[in-house]
Amino acid sequence: MIVTIANANDKMIEALKNVLKSYPTAKIEIKKEKTSSLKIAMSQLKNKEYKTYADFESYKKAMNG
């Protein structure tokens, strides 16, 4: 039998792994969907995970190390 669960978070995956420990013949296969760069950028913006620079020269200096 094959069971598919969509939109599971890390807590659910961990709970499923713990449940499956009692069933030695059961196997779990986890496939993560790729997240688009736009979705990642929007999430970073929402979570305020960005830096601001005074001017373009400051930005270039930070990017070049």
PDB file of N, CA and C in Angstrom:
ATOM      1  N   MET A   1       0.849  -1.171   0.000  1.00  0.00           N
ATOM      2  CA  MET A   1       0.000   0.000   0.000  1.00  0.00           C
ATOM      3  C   MET A   1       0.900   1.241   0.000  1.00  0.00           C
ATOM      4  N   ILE A   2       0.495   2.244  -0.756  1.00  0.00           N
ATOM      5  CA  ILE A   2       1.232   3.509  -0.828  1.00  0.00           C
ATOM      6  C   ILE A   2       0.324   4.618  -0.324  1.00  0.00           C
ATOM      7  N   VAL A   3       0.862   5.442   0.574  1.00  0.00           N
ATOM      8  CA  VAL A   3       0.131   6.577   1.118  1.00  0.00           C
ATOM      9  C   VAL A   3       0.917   7.834   0.792  1.00  0.00           C
ATOM     10  N   THR A   4       0.235   8.851   0.289  1.00  0.00           N
ATOM     11  CA  THR A   4       0.882  10.122  -0.031  1.00  0.00           C
ATOM     12  C   THR A   4       0.294  11.216   0.850  1.00  0.00           C
ATOM     13  N   ILE A   5       1.157  12.004   1.445  1.00  0.00           N
ATOM     14  CA  ILE A   5       0.717  13.133   2.271  1.00  0.00           C
ATOM     15  C   ILE A   5       1.335  14.389   1.681  1.00  0.00           C
ATOM     16  N   ALA A   6       0.487  15.357   1.358  1.00  0.00           N
ATOM     17  CA  ALA A   6       0.974  16.611   0.775  1.00  0.00           C
ATOM     18  C   ALA A   6       0.965  17.712   1.832  1.00  0.00           C
ATOM     19  N   ASN A   7       1.832  18.683   1.644  1.00  0.00           N
ATOM     20  CA  ASN A   7       1.911  19.867   2.507  1.00  0.00           C
ATOM     21  C   ASN A   7       2.241  19.536   3.958  1.00  0.00           C
ATOM     22  N   ALA A   8       3.050  18.539   4.175  1.00  0.00           N
ATOM     23  CA  ALA A   8       3.463  18.178   5.535  1.00  0.00           C
ATOM     24  C   ALA A   8       4.621  19.071   5.966  1.00  0.00           C
ATOM     25  N   ASN A   9       4.618  19.448   7.221  1.00  0.00           N
ATOM     26  CA  ASN A   9       5.740  20.242   7.732  1.00  0.00           C
ATOM     27  C   ASN A   9       6.731  19.321   8.444  1.00  0.00           C
ATOM     28  N   ASP A  10       7.824  19.886   8.938  1.00  0.00           N
ATOM     29  CA  ASP A  10       8.882  19.084   9.547  1.00  0.00           C
ATOM     30  C   ASP A  10       8.399  18.322  10.781  1.00  0.00           C
ATOM     31  N   LYS A  11       7.500  18.927  11.560  1.00  0.00           N
ATOM     32  CA  LYS A  11       6.993  18.258  12.760  1.00  0.00           C
ATOM     33  C   LYS A  11       6.199  17.008  12.382  1.00  0.00           C
ATOM     34  N   MET A  12       5.402  17.110  11.325  1.00  0.00           N
ATOM     35  CA  MET A  12       4.618  15.961  10.897  1.00  0.00           C
ATOM     36  C   MET A  12       5.527  14.852  10.387  1.00  0.00           C
ATOM     37  N   ILE A  13       6.543  15.210   9.635  1.00  0.00           N
ATOM     38  CA  ILE A  13       7.481  14.211   9.110  1.00  0.00           C
ATOM     39  C   ILE A  13       8.148  13.476  10.265  1.00  0.00           C
ATOM     40  N   GLU A  14       8.585  14.218  11.271  1.00  0.00           N
ATOM     41  CA  GLU A  14       9.246  13.609  12.424  1.00  0.00           C
ATOM     42  C   GLU A  14       8.284  12.670  13.155  1.00  0.00           C
ATOM     43  N   ALA A  15       7.020  13.074  13.312  1.00  0.00           N
ATOM     44  CA  ALA A  15       6.020  12.228  13.970  1.00  0.00           C
ATOM     45  C   ALA A  15       5.795  10.944  13.171  1.00  0.00           C
ATOM     46  N   LEU A  16       5.706  11.060  11.848  1.00  0.00           N
ATOM     47  CA  LEU A  16       5.520   9.872  11.010  1.00  0.00           C
ATOM     48  C   LEU A  16       6.705   8.918  11.122  1.00  0.00           C
ATOM     49  N   LYS A  17       7.902   9.469  11.155  1.00  0.00           N
ATOM     50  CA  LYS A  17       9.096   8.623  11.294  1.00  0.00           C
ATOM     51  C   LYS A  17       9.048   7.855  12.608  1.00  0.00           C
ATOM     52  N   ASN A  18       8.609   8.525  13.686  1.00  0.00           N
ATOM     53  CA  ASN A  18       8.533   7.863  14.981  1.00  0.00           C
ATOM     54  C   ASN A  18       7.469   6.766  14.982  1.00  0.00           C
ATOM     55  N   VAL A  19       6.341   7.006  14.352  1.00  0.00           N
ATOM     56  CA  VAL A  19       5.291   5.992  14.263  1.00  0.00           C
ATOM     57  C   VAL A  19       5.791   4.786  13.465  1.00  0.00           C
ATOM     58  N   LEU A  20       6.491   5.042  12.389  1.00  0.00           N
ATOM     59  CA  LEU A  20       6.949   3.942  11.526  1.00  0.00           C
ATOM     60  C   LEU A  20       8.037   3.086  12.165  1.00  0.00           C
ATOM     61  N   LYS A  21       8.646   3.574  13.236  1.00  0.00           N
ATOM     62  CA  LYS A  21       9.651   2.758  13.935  1.00  0.00           C
ATOM     63  C   LYS A  21       9.030   1.477  14.478  1.00  0.00           C
ATOM     64  N   SER A  22       7.712   1.507  14.783  1.00  0.00           N
ATOM     65  CA  SER A  22       7.051   0.300  15.294  1.00  0.00           C
ATOM     66  C   SER A  22       6.670  -0.674  14.193  1.00  0.00           C
ATOM     67  N   TYR A  23       6.876  -0.302  12.950  1.00  0.00           N
ATOM     68  CA  TYR A  23       6.569  -1.166  11.803  1.00  0.00           C
ATOM     69  C   TYR A  23       7.845  -1.373  10.985  1.00  0.00           C
ATOM     70  N   PRO A  24       8.615  -2.393  11.318  1.00  0.00           N
ATOM     71  CA  PRO A  24       9.929  -2.571  10.685  1.00  0.00           C
ATOM     72  C   PRO A  24       9.898  -2.774   9.171  1.00  0.00           C
ATOM     73  N   THR A  25       8.782  -3.246   8.631  1.00  0.00           N
ATOM     74  CA  THR A  25       8.734  -3.466   7.185  1.00  0.00           C
ATOM     75  C   THR A  25       8.256  -2.222   6.424  1.00  0.00           C
ATOM     76  N   ALA A  26       7.766  -1.228   7.146  1.00  0.00           N
ATOM     77  CA  ALA A  26       7.287   0.004   6.501  1.00  0.00           C
ATOM     78  C   ALA A  26       8.474   0.870   6.095  1.00  0.00           C
ATOM     79  N   LYS A  27       8.315   1.534   4.987  1.00  0.00           N
ATOM     80  CA  LYS A  27       9.366   2.428   4.488  1.00  0.00           C
ATOM     81  C   LYS A  27       8.763   3.799   4.271  1.00  0.00           C
ATOM     82  N   ILE A  28       9.580   4.812   4.449  1.00  0.00           N
ATOM     83  CA  ILE A  28       9.129   6.183   4.209  1.00  0.00           C
ATOM     84  C   ILE A  28      10.036   6.811   3.152  1.00  0.00           C
ATOM     85  N   GLU A  29       9.440   7.484   2.220  1.00  0.00           N
ATOM     86  CA  GLU A  29      10.184   8.200   1.183  1.00  0.00           C
ATOM     87  C   GLU A  29       9.720   9.645   1.228  1.00  0.00           C
ATOM     88  N   ILE A  30      10.651  10.554   1.404  1.00  0.00           N
ATOM     89  CA  ILE A  30      10.315  11.969   1.522  1.00  0.00           C
ATOM     90  C   ILE A  30      10.845  12.711   0.301  1.00  0.00           C
ATOM     91  N   LYS A  31       9.950  13.431  -0.360  1.00  0.00           N
ATOM     92  CA  LYS A  31      10.326  14.249  -1.513  1.00  0.00           C
ATOM     93  C   LYS A  31       9.920  15.680  -1.221  1.00  0.00           C
ATOM     94  N   LYS A  32      10.879  16.569  -1.255  1.00  0.00           N
ATOM     95  CA  LYS A  32      10.565  17.976  -1.036  1.00  0.00           C
ATOM     96  C   LYS A  32      10.414  18.664  -2.379  1.00  0.00           C
ATOM     97  N   GLU A  33       9.377  19.476  -2.476  1.00  0.00           N
ATOM     98  CA  GLU A  33       9.174  20.238  -3.701  1.00  0.00           C
ATOM     99  C   GLU A  33      10.132  21.419  -3.723  1.00  0.00           C
ATOM    100  N   LYS A  34      10.581  21.759  -4.903  1.00  0.00           N
ATOM    101  CA  LYS A  34      11.453  22.914  -5.032  1.00  0.00           C
ATOM    102  C   LYS A  34      10.648  24.179  -4.788  1.00  0.00           C
ATOM    103  N   THR A  35      11.257  25.104  -4.078  1.00  0.00           N
ATOM    104  CA  THR A  35      10.610  26.377  -3.801  1.00  0.00           C
ATOM    105  C   THR A  35      11.149  27.405  -4.787  1.00  0.00           C
ATOM    106  N   SER A  36      10.260  28.149  -5.391  1.00  0.00           N
ATOM    107  CA  SER A  36      10.689  29.134  -6.381  1.00  0.00           C
ATOM    108  C   SER A  36      11.470  30.256  -5.695  1.00  0.00           C
ATOM    109  N   SER A  37      12.376  30.876  -6.425  1.00  0.00           N
ATOM    110  CA  SER A  37      13.181  31.958  -5.870  1.00  0.00           C
ATOM    111  C   SER A  37      12.301  33.144  -5.473  1.00  0.00           C
ATOM    112  N   LEU A  38      11.199  33.354  -6.201  1.00  0.00           N
ATOM    113  CA  LEU A  38      10.289  34.445  -5.847  1.00  0.00           C
ATOM    114  C   LEU A  38       9.628  34.165  -4.501  1.00  0.00           C
ATOM    115  N   LYS A  39       9.220  32.913  -4.288  1.00  0.00           N
ATOM    116  CA  LYS A  39       8.594  32.549  -3.023  1.00  0.00           C
ATOM    117  C   LYS A  39       9.584  32.718  -1.867  1.00  0.00           C
ATOM    118  N   ILE A  40      10.829  32.341  -2.083  1.00  0.00           N
ATOM    119  CA  ILE A  40      11.865  32.498  -1.067  1.00  0.00           C
ATOM    120  C   ILE A  40      12.087  33.976  -0.775  1.00  0.00           C
ATOM    121  N   ALA A  41      12.189  34.784  -1.822  1.00  0.00           N
ATOM    122  CA  ALA A  41      12.410  36.217  -1.652  1.00  0.00           C
ATOM    123  C   ALA A  41      11.253  36.877  -0.899  1.00  0.00           C
ATOM    124  N   MET A  42      10.026  36.484  -1.219  1.00  0.00           N
ATOM    125  CA  MET A  42       8.865  37.058  -0.531  1.00  0.00           C
ATOM    126  C   MET A  42       8.862  36.658   0.950  1.00  0.00           C
ATOM    127  N   SER A  43       9.265  35.434   1.228  1.00  0.00           N
ATOM    128  CA  SER A  43       9.341  34.975   2.610  1.00  0.00           C
ATOM    129  C   SER A  43      10.405  35.753   3.378  1.00  0.00           C
ATOM    130  N   GLN A  44      11.554  35.970   2.744  1.00  0.00           N
ATOM    131  CA  GLN A  44      12.625  36.737   3.380  1.00  0.00           C
ATOM    132  C   GLN A  44      12.186  38.169   3.640  1.00  0.00           C
ATOM    133  N   LEU A  45      11.470  38.747   2.707  1.00  0.00           N
ATOM    134  CA  LEU A  45      10.971  40.109   2.876  1.00  0.00           C
ATOM    135  C   LEU A  45       9.981  40.171   4.032  1.00  0.00           C
ATOM    136  N   LYS A  46       9.082  39.211   4.079  1.00  0.00           N
ATOM    137  CA  LYS A  46       8.073  39.156   5.146  1.00  0.00           C
ATOM    138  C   LYS A  46       8.729  39.004   6.516  1.00  0.00           C
ATOM    139  N   ASN A  47       9.793  38.203   6.584  1.00  0.00           N
ATOM    140  CA  ASN A  47      10.488  37.946   7.848  1.00  0.00           C
ATOM    141  C   ASN A  47      11.605  38.950   8.131  1.00  0.00           C
ATOM    142  N   LYS A  48      11.676  39.974   7.314  1.00  0.00           N
ATOM    143  CA  LYS A  48      12.687  41.039   7.459  1.00  0.00           C
ATOM    144  C   LYS A  48      14.112  40.490   7.449  1.00  0.00           C
ATOM    145  N   GLU A  49      14.363  39.535   6.556  1.00  0.00           N
ATOM    146  CA  GLU A  49      15.678  38.926   6.400  1.00  0.00           C
ATOM    147  C   GLU A  49      16.404  39.584   5.227  1.00  0.00           C
ATOM    148  N   TYR A  50      16.670  40.841   5.357  1.00  0.00           N
ATOM    149  CA  TYR A  50      17.361  41.573   4.292  1.00  0.00           C
ATOM    150  C   TYR A  50      18.208  42.673   4.912  1.00  0.00           C
ATOM    151  N   LYS A  51      19.113  43.197   4.107  1.00  0.00           N
ATOM    152  CA  LYS A  51      19.984  44.289   4.537  1.00  0.00           C
ATOM    153  C   LYS A  51      19.725  45.499   3.658  1.00  0.00           C
ATOM    154  N   THR A  52      19.911  46.654   4.222  1.00  0.00           N
ATOM    155  CA  THR A  52      19.806  47.882   3.435  1.00  0.00           C
ATOM    156  C   THR A  52      21.184  48.547   3.403  1.00  0.00           C
ATOM    157  N   TYR A  53      21.428  49.293   2.344  1.00  0.00           N
ATOM    158  CA  TYR A  53      22.714  49.964   2.162  1.00  0.00           C
ATOM    159  C   TYR A  53      22.467  51.441   1.893  1.00  0.00           C
ATOM    160  N   ALA A  54      23.431  52.252   2.316  1.00  0.00           N
ATOM    161  CA  ALA A  54      23.304  53.703   2.153  1.00  0.00           C
ATOM    162  C   ALA A  54      23.343  54.101   0.686  1.00  0.00           C
ATOM    163  N   ASP A  55      24.175  53.398  -0.079  1.00  0.00           N
ATOM    164  CA  ASP A  55      24.289  53.715  -1.501  1.00  0.00           C
ATOM    165  C   ASP A  55      24.778  52.478  -2.264  1.00  0.00           C
ATOM    166  N   PHE A  56      24.848  52.610  -3.573  1.00  0.00           N
ATOM    167  CA  PHE A  56      25.225  51.477  -4.402  1.00  0.00           C
ATOM    168  C   PHE A  56      26.670  51.055  -4.155  1.00  0.00           C
ATOM    169  N   GLU A  57      27.541  51.983  -3.874  1.00  0.00           N
ATOM    170  CA  GLU A  57      28.948  51.661  -3.600  1.00  0.00           C
ATOM    171  C   GLU A  57      29.066  50.783  -2.356  1.00  0.00           C
ATOM    172  N   SER A  58      28.296  51.073  -1.342  1.00  0.00           N
ATOM    173  CA  SER A  58      28.299  50.248  -0.122  1.00  0.00           C
ATOM    174  C   SER A  58      27.832  48.833  -0.432  1.00  0.00           C
ATOM    175  N   TYR A  59      26.808  48.736  -1.279  1.00  0.00           N
ATOM    176  CA  TYR A  59      26.283  47.445  -1.699  1.00  0.00           C
ATOM    177  C   TYR A  59      27.362  46.655  -2.458  1.00  0.00           C
ATOM    178  N   LYS A  60      28.010  47.295  -3.431  1.00  0.00           N
ATOM    179  CA  LYS A  60      29.064  46.622  -4.213  1.00  0.00           C
ATOM    180  C   LYS A  60      30.182  46.140  -3.319  1.00  0.00           C
ATOM    181  N   LYS A  61      30.574  46.962  -2.355  1.00  0.00           N
ATOM    182  CA  LYS A  61      31.652  46.597  -1.439  1.00  0.00           C
ATOM    183  C   LYS A  61      31.246  45.365  -0.620  1.00  0.00           C
ATOM    184  N   ALA A  62      30.023  45.317  -0.159  1.00  0.00           N
ATOM    185  CA  ALA A  62      29.552  44.178   0.628  1.00  0.00           C
ATOM    186  C   ALA A  62      29.486  42.914  -0.238  1.00  0.00           C
ATOM    187  N   MET A  63      29.083  43.021  -1.481  1.00  0.00           N
ATOM    188  CA  MET A  63      28.961  41.866  -2.355  1.00  0.00           C
ATOM    189  C   MET A  63      30.318  41.314  -2.788  1.00  0.00           C
ATOM    190  N   ASN A  64      31.310  42.185  -2.873  1.00  0.00           N
ATOM    191  CA  ASN A  64      32.649  41.748  -3.302  1.00  0.00           C
ATOM    192  C   ASN A  64      33.503  41.257  -2.138  1.00  0.00           C
ATOM    193  N   GLY A  65      32.988  41.357  -0.932  1.00  0.00           N
ATOM    194  CA  GLY A  65      33.688  40.816   0.219  1.00  0.00           C
ATOM    195  C   GLY A  65      34.607  41.800   0.792  1.00  0.00           C
TER     196      GLY A  65
END
